[in-house]
Amino acid sequence: MKEPRILVDFDELVEPDLVLLSQTDSKDDSDGNPVSLHAGLRVKIYEPDFGADGQPDCLVAEGSVELNTGAVSWTKAAKWCCRIDGRGILHESEDRAQPAA
């Protein structure tokens, strides 16, 4: 990846634009640096994946940290979620092709 991101599982989407992020107030990024989580923090997230050509091409997104309201029972173990911004979830190769907002 071109920049550090926090690992998530996009299969843990609570809403189309909300993914579980962490059970604790800190999570290491892809470079091993701890990130202190708090409401409103902008984060970059990822999940390992492969492109149509079979080559590694992570799924990536950006968004803001939110406290998990636990509205759905299976999500209650997570303290924090990430509200994904309007660009949505992209493969990293697609993300690089788009100009930054």
N, C-alpha and C. Protein backbone atom coordinates (compact mmCIF):
# COMPACT_ATOMS: atom_id res chain seq x y z
N MET A 1 0.84 -1.18 0.00
CA MET A 1 0.00 0.00 0.00
C MET A 1 0.88 1.24 0.00
N LYS A 2 0.34 2.29 -0.56
CA LYS A 2 1.13 3.52 -0.66
C LYS A 2 1.14 4.33 0.63
N GLU A 3 0.25 4.02 1.57
CA GLU A 3 0.19 4.73 2.84
C GLU A 3 -0.40 3.82 3.91
N PRO A 4 -0.08 4.07 5.18
CA PRO A 4 -0.60 3.21 6.24
C PRO A 4 -2.13 3.29 6.35
N ARG A 5 -2.73 2.15 6.61
CA ARG A 5 -4.18 2.06 6.77
C ARG A 5 -4.49 1.10 7.89
N ILE A 6 -5.71 1.16 8.40
CA ILE A 6 -6.16 0.27 9.46
C ILE A 6 -6.93 -0.89 8.82
N LEU A 7 -6.59 -2.09 9.24
CA LEU A 7 -7.22 -3.30 8.72
C LEU A 7 -8.66 -3.42 9.24
N VAL A 8 -9.58 -3.70 8.34
CA VAL A 8 -10.98 -3.99 8.68
C VAL A 8 -11.43 -5.21 7.90
N ASP A 9 -12.62 -5.67 8.20
CA ASP A 9 -13.24 -6.75 7.45
C ASP A 9 -14.52 -6.18 6.85
N PHE A 10 -14.51 -5.94 5.54
CA PHE A 10 -15.67 -5.33 4.90
C PHE A 10 -16.90 -6.25 4.91
N ASP A 11 -16.73 -7.50 5.36
CA ASP A 11 -17.90 -8.36 5.58
C ASP A 11 -18.62 -7.96 6.87
N GLU A 12 -18.01 -7.07 7.65
CA GLU A 12 -18.60 -6.59 8.90
C GLU A 12 -19.23 -5.20 8.71
N LEU A 13 -19.87 -5.00 7.57
CA LEU A 13 -20.61 -3.76 7.34
C LEU A 13 -21.91 -3.81 8.13
N VAL A 14 -22.13 -2.81 8.95
CA VAL A 14 -23.35 -2.70 9.74
C VAL A 14 -24.42 -2.00 8.91
N GLU A 15 -23.98 -1.06 8.10
CA GLU A 15 -24.81 -0.33 7.13
C GLU A 15 -23.98 -0.27 5.86
N PRO A 16 -24.56 0.14 4.73
CA PRO A 16 -23.78 0.18 3.49
C PRO A 16 -22.51 1.04 3.58
N ASP A 17 -22.49 2.00 4.51
CA ASP A 17 -21.33 2.88 4.64
C ASP A 17 -20.74 2.89 6.05
N LEU A 18 -20.99 1.82 6.83
CA LEU A 18 -20.52 1.75 8.20
C LEU A 18 -19.94 0.37 8.47
N VAL A 19 -18.64 0.32 8.82
CA VAL A 19 -17.96 -0.95 9.07
C VAL A 19 -17.40 -0.96 10.49
N LEU A 20 -17.44 -2.15 11.12
CA LEU A 20 -16.84 -2.29 12.44
C LEU A 20 -15.35 -2.01 12.34
N LEU A 21 -14.79 -1.34 13.35
CA LEU A 21 -13.39 -0.92 13.29
C LEU A 21 -12.55 -1.53 14.41
N SER A 22 -12.99 -1.44 15.67
CA SER A 22 -12.14 -1.89 16.76
C SER A 22 -12.94 -2.13 18.04
N GLN A 23 -12.44 -3.06 18.86
CA GLN A 23 -13.03 -3.32 20.16
C GLN A 23 -12.42 -2.41 21.23
N THR A 24 -11.28 -1.79 20.91
CA THR A 24 -10.54 -0.98 21.89
C THR A 24 -10.31 0.43 21.35
N ASP A 25 -9.71 1.29 22.19
CA ASP A 25 -9.46 2.68 21.81
C ASP A 25 -8.19 2.88 20.98
N SER A 26 -7.51 1.81 20.66
CA SER A 26 -6.29 1.90 19.86
C SER A 26 -6.22 0.72 18.91
N LYS A 27 -5.75 0.98 17.71
CA LYS A 27 -5.57 -0.09 16.73
C LYS A 27 -4.33 0.22 15.92
N ASP A 28 -3.51 -0.77 15.66
CA ASP A 28 -2.30 -0.57 14.87
C ASP A 28 -2.64 -0.43 13.39
N ASP A 29 -1.91 0.48 12.71
CA ASP A 29 -2.08 0.60 11.27
C ASP A 29 -1.19 -0.42 10.57
N SER A 30 -1.20 -0.42 9.26
CA SER A 30 -0.46 -1.40 8.47
C SER A 30 1.05 -1.28 8.61
N ASP A 31 1.55 -0.17 9.15
CA ASP A 31 2.98 -0.01 9.42
C ASP A 31 3.32 -0.37 10.86
N GLY A 32 2.33 -0.80 11.65
CA GLY A 32 2.56 -1.17 13.04
C GLY A 32 2.49 -0.02 14.02
N ASN A 33 2.08 1.15 13.56
CA ASN A 33 1.95 2.32 14.44
C ASN A 33 0.59 2.32 15.11
N PRO A 34 0.54 2.54 16.44
CA PRO A 34 -0.76 2.60 17.10
C PRO A 34 -1.52 3.87 16.72
N VAL A 35 -2.81 3.73 16.51
CA VAL A 35 -3.69 4.86 16.20
C VAL A 35 -4.70 4.95 17.34
N SER A 36 -4.72 6.09 18.03
CA SER A 36 -5.69 6.32 19.10
C SER A 36 -7.02 6.74 18.49
N LEU A 37 -8.02 5.93 18.69
CA LEU A 37 -9.33 6.16 18.07
C LEU A 37 -10.20 7.06 18.94
N HIS A 38 -10.91 7.96 18.28
CA HIS A 38 -11.88 8.82 18.95
C HIS A 38 -12.88 9.29 17.91
N ALA A 39 -14.05 9.65 18.35
CA ALA A 39 -15.11 10.09 17.44
C ALA A 39 -14.63 11.26 16.58
N GLY A 40 -14.90 11.16 15.29
CA GLY A 40 -14.57 12.23 14.35
C GLY A 40 -13.20 12.08 13.70
N LEU A 41 -12.35 11.19 14.20
CA LEU A 41 -11.02 10.99 13.61
C LEU A 41 -11.16 10.46 12.19
N ARG A 42 -10.47 11.09 11.24
CA ARG A 42 -10.45 10.60 9.85
C ARG A 42 -9.44 9.47 9.76
N VAL A 43 -9.86 8.36 9.17
CA VAL A 43 -8.98 7.20 9.03
C VAL A 43 -9.05 6.64 7.62
N LYS A 44 -7.98 5.95 7.26
CA LYS A 44 -7.91 5.21 6.00
C LYS A 44 -7.91 3.73 6.38
N ILE A 45 -8.78 2.95 5.74
CA ILE A 45 -8.95 1.55 6.09
C ILE A 45 -8.71 0.68 4.87
N TYR A 46 -8.45 -0.63 5.13
CA TYR A 46 -8.22 -1.55 4.02
C TYR A 46 -8.56 -2.98 4.41
N GLU A 47 -8.71 -3.81 3.39
CA GLU A 47 -8.82 -5.25 3.54
C GLU A 47 -8.06 -5.88 2.37
N PRO A 48 -7.19 -6.85 2.63
CA PRO A 48 -6.50 -7.52 1.53
C PRO A 48 -7.50 -8.14 0.55
N ASP A 49 -7.20 -8.04 -0.73
CA ASP A 49 -8.06 -8.59 -1.77
C ASP A 49 -7.22 -8.78 -3.02
N PHE A 50 -7.86 -9.27 -4.07
CA PHE A 50 -7.18 -9.48 -5.35
C PHE A 50 -8.01 -8.84 -6.45
N GLY A 51 -7.33 -8.34 -7.48
CA GLY A 51 -7.99 -7.76 -8.63
C GLY A 51 -8.46 -8.84 -9.59
N ALA A 52 -9.10 -8.42 -10.65
CA ALA A 52 -9.60 -9.35 -11.66
C ALA A 52 -8.48 -10.16 -12.30
N ASP A 53 -7.27 -9.62 -12.28
CA ASP A 53 -6.11 -10.31 -12.86
C ASP A 53 -5.45 -11.29 -11.88
N GLY A 54 -6.01 -11.41 -10.68
CA GLY A 54 -5.47 -12.34 -9.69
C GLY A 54 -4.33 -11.77 -8.88
N GLN A 55 -3.93 -10.52 -9.14
CA GLN A 55 -2.84 -9.88 -8.42
C GLN A 55 -3.37 -9.18 -7.17
N PRO A 56 -2.55 -9.09 -6.12
CA PRO A 56 -3.00 -8.38 -4.91
C PRO A 56 -3.45 -6.96 -5.23
N ASP A 57 -4.60 -6.58 -4.73
CA ASP A 57 -5.17 -5.25 -4.96
C ASP A 57 -6.15 -4.99 -3.81
N CYS A 58 -5.64 -4.43 -2.71
CA CYS A 58 -6.43 -4.23 -1.49
C CYS A 58 -7.69 -3.42 -1.76
N LEU A 59 -8.75 -3.74 -1.02
CA LEU A 59 -9.92 -2.89 -0.95
C LEU A 59 -9.60 -1.77 0.02
N VAL A 60 -9.89 -0.53 -0.34
CA VAL A 60 -9.55 0.62 0.50
C VAL A 60 -10.74 1.56 0.59
N ALA A 61 -10.76 2.35 1.67
CA ALA A 61 -11.78 3.37 1.87
C ALA A 61 -11.25 4.36 2.89
N GLU A 62 -11.95 5.48 3.01
CA GLU A 62 -11.63 6.48 4.01
C GLU A 62 -12.92 6.88 4.69
N GLY A 63 -12.80 7.35 5.92
CA GLY A 63 -13.99 7.76 6.62
C GLY A 63 -13.69 8.31 7.99
N SER A 64 -14.72 8.44 8.80
CA SER A 64 -14.61 9.01 10.14
C SER A 64 -15.01 7.97 11.18
N VAL A 65 -14.27 7.98 12.29
CA VAL A 65 -14.54 7.07 13.39
C VAL A 65 -15.81 7.50 14.12
N GLU A 66 -16.65 6.51 14.46
CA GLU A 66 -17.87 6.74 15.23
C GLU A 66 -17.95 5.71 16.34
N LEU A 67 -18.51 6.10 17.45
CA LEU A 67 -18.79 5.17 18.53
C LEU A 67 -19.87 4.20 18.05
N ASN A 68 -19.67 2.92 18.29
CA ASN A 68 -20.65 1.92 17.90
C ASN A 68 -21.86 2.01 18.82
N THR A 69 -23.02 2.21 18.24
CA THR A 69 -24.25 2.30 19.03
C THR A 69 -24.79 0.93 19.40
N GLY A 70 -24.26 -0.13 18.79
CA GLY A 70 -24.69 -1.48 19.11
C GLY A 70 -26.14 -1.77 18.74
N ALA A 71 -26.64 -1.09 17.71
CA ALA A 71 -28.03 -1.26 17.31
C ALA A 71 -28.32 -2.68 16.82
N VAL A 72 -27.31 -3.35 16.31
CA VAL A 72 -27.47 -4.73 15.85
C VAL A 72 -26.69 -5.62 16.81
N SER A 73 -27.31 -6.65 17.33
CA SER A 73 -26.72 -7.43 18.42
C SER A 73 -25.35 -8.01 18.09
N TRP A 74 -25.12 -8.47 16.87
CA TRP A 74 -23.83 -9.10 16.55
C TRP A 74 -22.68 -8.09 16.52
N THR A 75 -22.97 -6.80 16.57
CA THR A 75 -21.92 -5.77 16.51
C THR A 75 -21.47 -5.31 17.89
N LYS A 76 -22.12 -5.74 18.94
CA LYS A 76 -21.89 -5.18 20.27
C LYS A 76 -20.46 -5.33 20.79
N ALA A 77 -19.69 -6.28 20.29
CA ALA A 77 -18.31 -6.47 20.75
C ALA A 77 -17.40 -5.32 20.32
N ALA A 78 -17.77 -4.61 19.27
CA ALA A 78 -16.93 -3.51 18.76
C ALA A 78 -17.31 -2.20 19.44
N LYS A 79 -16.30 -1.45 19.85
CA LYS A 79 -16.53 -0.12 20.43
C LYS A 79 -16.62 0.95 19.35
N TRP A 80 -15.80 0.78 18.29
CA TRP A 80 -15.70 1.81 17.25
C TRP A 80 -16.06 1.26 15.88
N CYS A 81 -16.63 2.15 15.06
CA CYS A 81 -16.94 1.88 13.67
C CYS A 81 -16.30 2.97 12.80
N CYS A 82 -16.28 2.73 11.51
CA CYS A 82 -15.83 3.75 10.56
C CYS A 82 -16.96 4.04 9.59
N ARG A 83 -17.37 5.31 9.52
CA ARG A 83 -18.38 5.77 8.57
C ARG A 83 -17.64 6.10 7.27
N ILE A 84 -17.83 5.30 6.25
CA ILE A 84 -17.11 5.43 4.98
C ILE A 84 -17.65 6.63 4.20
N ASP A 85 -16.72 7.42 3.65
CA ASP A 85 -17.12 8.63 2.92
C ASP A 85 -17.75 8.29 1.57
N GLY A 86 -18.15 9.30 0.84
CA GLY A 86 -18.88 9.16 -0.41
C GLY A 86 -18.16 8.44 -1.52
N ARG A 87 -16.85 8.33 -1.43
CA ARG A 87 -16.11 7.60 -2.48
C ARG A 87 -16.33 6.11 -2.37
N GLY A 88 -16.76 5.65 -1.19
CA GLY A 88 -17.07 4.23 -1.00
C GLY A 88 -15.83 3.36 -0.88
N ILE A 89 -16.03 2.09 -1.14
CA ILE A 89 -14.96 1.09 -1.06
C ILE A 89 -14.47 0.83 -2.48
N LEU A 90 -13.17 0.96 -2.67
CA LEU A 90 -12.55 0.78 -3.98
C LEU A 90 -11.38 -0.18 -3.88
N HIS A 91 -10.98 -0.75 -5.00
CA HIS A 91 -9.69 -1.42 -5.03
C HIS A 91 -8.61 -0.34 -5.04
N GLU A 92 -7.47 -0.62 -4.44
CA GLU A 92 -6.41 0.38 -4.36
C GLU A 92 -6.02 0.89 -5.75
N SER A 93 -6.01 0.03 -6.75
CA SER A 93 -5.67 0.47 -8.11
C SER A 93 -6.68 1.48 -8.64
N GLU A 94 -7.95 1.36 -8.27
CA GLU A 94 -8.98 2.32 -8.66
C GLU A 94 -8.79 3.63 -7.90
N ASP A 95 -8.44 3.51 -6.61
CA ASP A 95 -8.23 4.69 -5.76
C ASP A 95 -7.10 5.55 -6.31
N ARG A 96 -6.02 4.91 -6.75
CA ARG A 96 -4.87 5.65 -7.30
C ARG A 96 -5.23 6.37 -8.59
N ALA A 97 -6.20 5.81 -9.33
CA ALA A 97 -6.58 6.37 -10.62
C ALA A 97 -7.45 7.62 -10.48
N GLN A 98 -8.03 7.83 -9.27
CA GLN A 98 -8.92 8.96 -9.05
C GLN A 98 -8.18 10.08 -8.35
N PRO A 99 -8.41 11.33 -8.74
CA PRO A 99 -7.78 12.45 -8.03
C PRO A 99 -8.32 12.57 -6.60
N ALA A 100 -7.47 13.01 -5.71
CA ALA A 100 -7.89 13.21 -4.31
C ALA A 100 -8.94 14.30 -4.22
N ALA A 101 -9.89 14.14 -3.30
CA ALA A 101 -10.96 15.13 -3.14
C ALA A 101 -10.49 16.35 -2.43
